Amino acid sequence: MGIRDVMTKVIKDRAELEAMVLAELRQMPHCEDACSVTVIGLDDERVEATWDVSNFNAGESVEDSCEAALRALLPGLQRQFDLAID
């Protein structure tokens, strides 16, 4: 892999990531009424991601649909964004 193959990640704070994930989640079918997500930092050099969603509140949305949607959308966001160190 050459230097051009390495994508630079944009650094976001916890609140920015939570807002971004929630906005993306609400665009998914049956997740329009999701209320919140909680982002946590990961400190594991074995994984590429520096953050994950530890829990979410589906609100009036279908919880199983929201959980599946998060599993689908998180890897792409984790490849693009790093969590700022508090």
N, C-alpha and C. Protein backbone atom coordinates (compact mmCIF):
# COMPACT_ATOMS: atom_id res chain seq x y z
N MET A 1 0.85 -1.17 0.00
CA MET A 1 0.00 0.00 0.00
C MET A 1 0.89 1.23 0.00
N GLY A 2 0.65 2.14 -0.94
CA GLY A 2 1.43 3.36 -1.04
C GLY A 2 0.86 4.47 -0.20
N ILE A 3 1.60 5.55 -0.10
CA ILE A 3 1.17 6.69 0.73
C ILE A 3 -0.16 7.27 0.25
N ARG A 4 -0.43 7.21 -1.04
CA ARG A 4 -1.68 7.74 -1.57
C ARG A 4 -2.87 6.87 -1.19
N ASP A 5 -2.62 5.61 -0.82
CA ASP A 5 -3.70 4.70 -0.45
C ASP A 5 -4.20 4.94 0.97
N VAL A 6 -3.44 5.67 1.76
CA VAL A 6 -3.82 5.92 3.15
C VAL A 6 -4.71 7.15 3.19
N MET A 7 -5.93 6.98 3.69
CA MET A 7 -6.86 8.09 3.77
C MET A 7 -6.71 8.78 5.12
N THR A 8 -6.58 10.09 5.09
CA THR A 8 -6.49 10.85 6.32
C THR A 8 -7.89 11.01 6.91
N LYS A 9 -8.02 10.66 8.17
CA LYS A 9 -9.32 10.78 8.83
C LYS A 9 -9.50 12.18 9.39
N VAL A 10 -10.72 12.64 9.38
CA VAL A 10 -11.08 13.92 9.96
C VAL A 10 -11.36 13.68 11.45
N ILE A 11 -10.83 14.54 12.29
CA ILE A 11 -11.02 14.41 13.73
C ILE A 11 -12.25 15.18 14.16
N LYS A 12 -13.13 14.49 14.90
CA LYS A 12 -14.36 15.08 15.41
C LYS A 12 -14.44 14.83 16.91
N ASP A 13 -15.07 15.75 17.63
CA ASP A 13 -15.27 15.48 19.06
C ASP A 13 -16.51 14.60 19.24
N ARG A 14 -16.70 14.14 20.45
CA ARG A 14 -17.78 13.19 20.75
C ARG A 14 -19.15 13.74 20.33
N ALA A 15 -19.43 14.99 20.65
CA ALA A 15 -20.73 15.58 20.32
C ALA A 15 -20.94 15.65 18.80
N GLU A 16 -19.90 15.98 18.07
CA GLU A 16 -20.01 16.03 16.60
C GLU A 16 -20.29 14.65 16.02
N LEU A 17 -19.60 13.64 16.52
CA LEU A 17 -19.83 12.28 16.04
C LEU A 17 -21.23 11.80 16.39
N GLU A 18 -21.68 12.09 17.60
CA GLU A 18 -23.03 11.69 18.00
C GLU A 18 -24.08 12.35 17.11
N ALA A 19 -23.91 13.63 16.83
CA ALA A 19 -24.86 14.34 15.97
C ALA A 19 -24.84 13.78 14.55
N MET A 20 -23.64 13.47 14.05
CA MET A 20 -23.49 12.95 12.71
C MET A 20 -24.12 11.55 12.59
N VAL A 21 -23.83 10.69 13.54
CA VAL A 21 -24.38 9.33 13.52
C VAL A 21 -25.90 9.38 13.64
N LEU A 22 -26.41 10.21 14.53
CA LEU A 22 -27.85 10.31 14.71
C LEU A 22 -28.53 10.82 13.44
N ALA A 23 -27.94 11.81 12.79
CA ALA A 23 -28.50 12.32 11.54
C ALA A 23 -28.53 11.24 10.46
N GLU A 24 -27.45 10.49 10.35
CA GLU A 24 -27.40 9.38 9.37
C GLU A 24 -28.42 8.30 9.73
N LEU A 25 -28.51 7.98 11.01
CA LEU A 25 -29.45 6.96 11.46
C LEU A 25 -30.88 7.34 11.12
N ARG A 26 -31.22 8.60 11.33
CA ARG A 26 -32.59 9.07 11.07
C ARG A 26 -32.96 9.04 9.59
N GLN A 27 -31.97 8.92 8.72
CA GLN A 27 -32.23 8.81 7.28
C GLN A 27 -32.57 7.38 6.86
N MET A 28 -32.34 6.44 7.76
CA MET A 28 -32.56 5.03 7.45
C MET A 28 -34.03 4.66 7.66
N PRO A 29 -34.53 3.71 6.87
CA PRO A 29 -35.93 3.30 7.00
C PRO A 29 -36.25 2.81 8.42
N HIS A 30 -37.37 3.25 8.93
CA HIS A 30 -37.90 2.85 10.25
C HIS A 30 -37.07 3.40 11.41
N CYS A 31 -36.21 4.40 11.15
CA CYS A 31 -35.36 4.97 12.21
C CYS A 31 -35.52 6.48 12.32
N GLU A 32 -36.53 7.01 11.70
CA GLU A 32 -36.72 8.46 11.63
C GLU A 32 -36.89 9.11 13.00
N ASP A 33 -37.39 8.37 13.97
CA ASP A 33 -37.66 8.94 15.28
C ASP A 33 -36.61 8.57 16.34
N ALA A 34 -35.45 8.09 15.90
CA ALA A 34 -34.38 7.78 16.84
C ALA A 34 -34.03 9.04 17.63
N CYS A 35 -33.79 8.89 18.93
CA CYS A 35 -33.59 10.04 19.82
C CYS A 35 -32.13 10.37 20.10
N SER A 36 -31.30 9.34 20.27
CA SER A 36 -29.92 9.62 20.65
C SER A 36 -29.02 8.42 20.40
N VAL A 37 -27.73 8.71 20.31
CA VAL A 37 -26.69 7.69 20.28
C VAL A 37 -25.60 8.14 21.24
N THR A 38 -24.87 7.19 21.79
CA THR A 38 -23.77 7.50 22.69
C THR A 38 -22.48 6.97 22.08
N VAL A 39 -21.55 7.88 21.81
CA VAL A 39 -20.25 7.52 21.24
C VAL A 39 -19.25 7.35 22.38
N ILE A 40 -18.47 6.28 22.28
CA ILE A 40 -17.39 6.03 23.24
C ILE A 40 -16.08 5.90 22.49
N GLY A 41 -14.99 6.20 23.16
CA GLY A 41 -13.67 6.04 22.57
C GLY A 41 -13.20 4.61 22.71
N LEU A 42 -12.44 4.16 21.72
CA LEU A 42 -11.82 2.84 21.75
C LEU A 42 -10.32 3.01 21.86
N ASP A 43 -9.71 2.23 22.71
CA ASP A 43 -8.26 2.29 22.89
C ASP A 43 -7.69 0.90 22.65
N ASP A 44 -7.85 0.44 21.42
CA ASP A 44 -7.41 -0.89 21.06
C ASP A 44 -6.67 -0.80 19.73
N GLU A 45 -5.38 -0.97 19.76
CA GLU A 45 -4.57 -0.84 18.56
C GLU A 45 -4.84 -1.93 17.54
N ARG A 46 -5.57 -2.97 17.92
CA ARG A 46 -5.87 -4.07 17.00
C ARG A 46 -6.99 -3.71 16.03
N VAL A 47 -7.73 -2.63 16.30
CA VAL A 47 -8.82 -2.22 15.41
C VAL A 47 -8.52 -0.83 14.86
N GLU A 48 -9.02 -0.59 13.68
CA GLU A 48 -8.79 0.68 13.00
C GLU A 48 -9.58 1.83 13.61
N ALA A 49 -10.77 1.54 14.13
CA ALA A 49 -11.65 2.58 14.64
C ALA A 49 -11.17 3.09 16.00
N THR A 50 -11.37 4.40 16.23
CA THR A 50 -11.04 5.00 17.53
C THR A 50 -12.29 5.27 18.35
N TRP A 51 -13.46 4.91 17.80
CA TRP A 51 -14.72 5.16 18.49
C TRP A 51 -15.77 4.16 18.03
N ASP A 52 -16.84 4.08 18.83
CA ASP A 52 -17.96 3.22 18.50
C ASP A 52 -19.21 3.78 19.18
N VAL A 53 -20.36 3.26 18.84
CA VAL A 53 -21.60 3.62 19.51
C VAL A 53 -21.86 2.55 20.56
N SER A 54 -21.94 2.96 21.82
CA SER A 54 -22.15 2.00 22.90
C SER A 54 -23.63 1.70 23.13
N ASN A 55 -24.49 2.68 22.86
CA ASN A 55 -25.93 2.45 22.97
C ASN A 55 -26.67 3.53 22.20
N PHE A 56 -27.96 3.30 22.03
CA PHE A 56 -28.80 4.26 21.32
C PHE A 56 -30.20 4.18 21.85
N ASN A 57 -30.96 5.25 21.62
CA ASN A 57 -32.36 5.30 22.00
C ASN A 57 -33.15 5.40 20.70
N ALA A 58 -33.89 4.36 20.37
CA ALA A 58 -34.65 4.33 19.12
C ALA A 58 -35.90 5.20 19.17
N GLY A 59 -36.27 5.67 20.35
CA GLY A 59 -37.49 6.48 20.45
C GLY A 59 -38.68 5.70 19.95
N GLU A 60 -39.47 6.31 19.07
CA GLU A 60 -40.65 5.65 18.50
C GLU A 60 -40.31 4.81 17.28
N SER A 61 -39.02 4.75 16.92
CA SER A 61 -38.59 3.96 15.77
C SER A 61 -38.52 2.49 16.15
N VAL A 62 -38.34 1.64 15.15
CA VAL A 62 -38.22 0.20 15.35
C VAL A 62 -36.79 -0.11 15.79
N GLU A 63 -36.64 -0.58 17.02
CA GLU A 63 -35.31 -0.79 17.60
C GLU A 63 -34.44 -1.73 16.77
N ASP A 64 -34.99 -2.86 16.33
CA ASP A 64 -34.20 -3.80 15.54
C ASP A 64 -33.73 -3.17 14.23
N SER A 65 -34.56 -2.36 13.61
CA SER A 65 -34.19 -1.69 12.37
C SER A 65 -33.05 -0.71 12.62
N CYS A 66 -33.13 0.02 13.72
CA CYS A 66 -32.09 0.99 14.05
C CYS A 66 -30.77 0.30 14.37
N GLU A 67 -30.85 -0.82 15.08
CA GLU A 67 -29.64 -1.56 15.39
C GLU A 67 -28.97 -2.07 14.12
N ALA A 68 -29.76 -2.60 13.20
CA ALA A 68 -29.22 -3.07 11.93
C ALA A 68 -28.65 -1.91 11.11
N ALA A 69 -29.34 -0.79 11.13
CA ALA A 69 -28.87 0.39 10.39
C ALA A 69 -27.54 0.87 10.94
N LEU A 70 -27.40 0.90 12.25
CA LEU A 70 -26.13 1.32 12.86
C LEU A 70 -25.01 0.38 12.46
N ARG A 71 -25.26 -0.92 12.47
CA ARG A 71 -24.24 -1.89 12.07
C ARG A 71 -23.81 -1.65 10.63
N ALA A 72 -24.73 -1.22 9.79
CA ALA A 72 -24.43 -0.97 8.38
C ALA A 72 -23.68 0.34 8.16
N LEU A 73 -24.06 1.39 8.89
CA LEU A 73 -23.48 2.69 8.59
C LEU A 73 -22.21 3.01 9.38
N LEU A 74 -22.02 2.41 10.54
CA LEU A 74 -20.86 2.75 11.37
C LEU A 74 -19.51 2.46 10.72
N PRO A 75 -19.29 1.33 10.07
CA PRO A 75 -17.96 1.09 9.51
C PRO A 75 -17.49 2.18 8.55
N GLY A 76 -18.39 2.67 7.71
CA GLY A 76 -18.03 3.74 6.79
C GLY A 76 -17.65 5.02 7.51
N LEU A 77 -18.43 5.38 8.52
CA LEU A 77 -18.13 6.58 9.30
C LEU A 77 -16.84 6.42 10.09
N GLN A 78 -16.61 5.23 10.62
CA GLN A 78 -15.38 4.98 11.39
C GLN A 78 -14.15 5.05 10.49
N ARG A 79 -14.29 4.73 9.21
CA ARG A 79 -13.16 4.85 8.28
C ARG A 79 -12.86 6.31 7.94
N GLN A 80 -13.87 7.17 8.06
CA GLN A 80 -13.72 8.58 7.70
C GLN A 80 -13.33 9.48 8.86
N PHE A 81 -13.73 9.12 10.09
CA PHE A 81 -13.59 10.03 11.21
C PHE A 81 -12.93 9.37 12.41
N ASP A 82 -12.09 10.13 13.09
CA ASP A 82 -11.48 9.71 14.35
C ASP A 82 -12.06 10.56 15.47
N LEU A 83 -12.11 9.98 16.66
CA LEU A 83 -12.56 10.70 17.84
C LEU A 83 -11.41 11.53 18.40
N ALA A 84 -11.67 12.81 18.63
CA ALA A 84 -10.67 13.68 19.25
C ALA A 84 -10.41 13.20 20.68
N ILE A 85 -9.19 13.31 21.10
CA ILE A 85 -8.82 12.93 22.45
C ILE A 85 -9.30 14.01 23.40
N ASP A 86 -10.06 13.59 24.43
CA ASP A 86 -10.60 14.55 25.42
C ASP A 86 -9.50 15.14 26.26
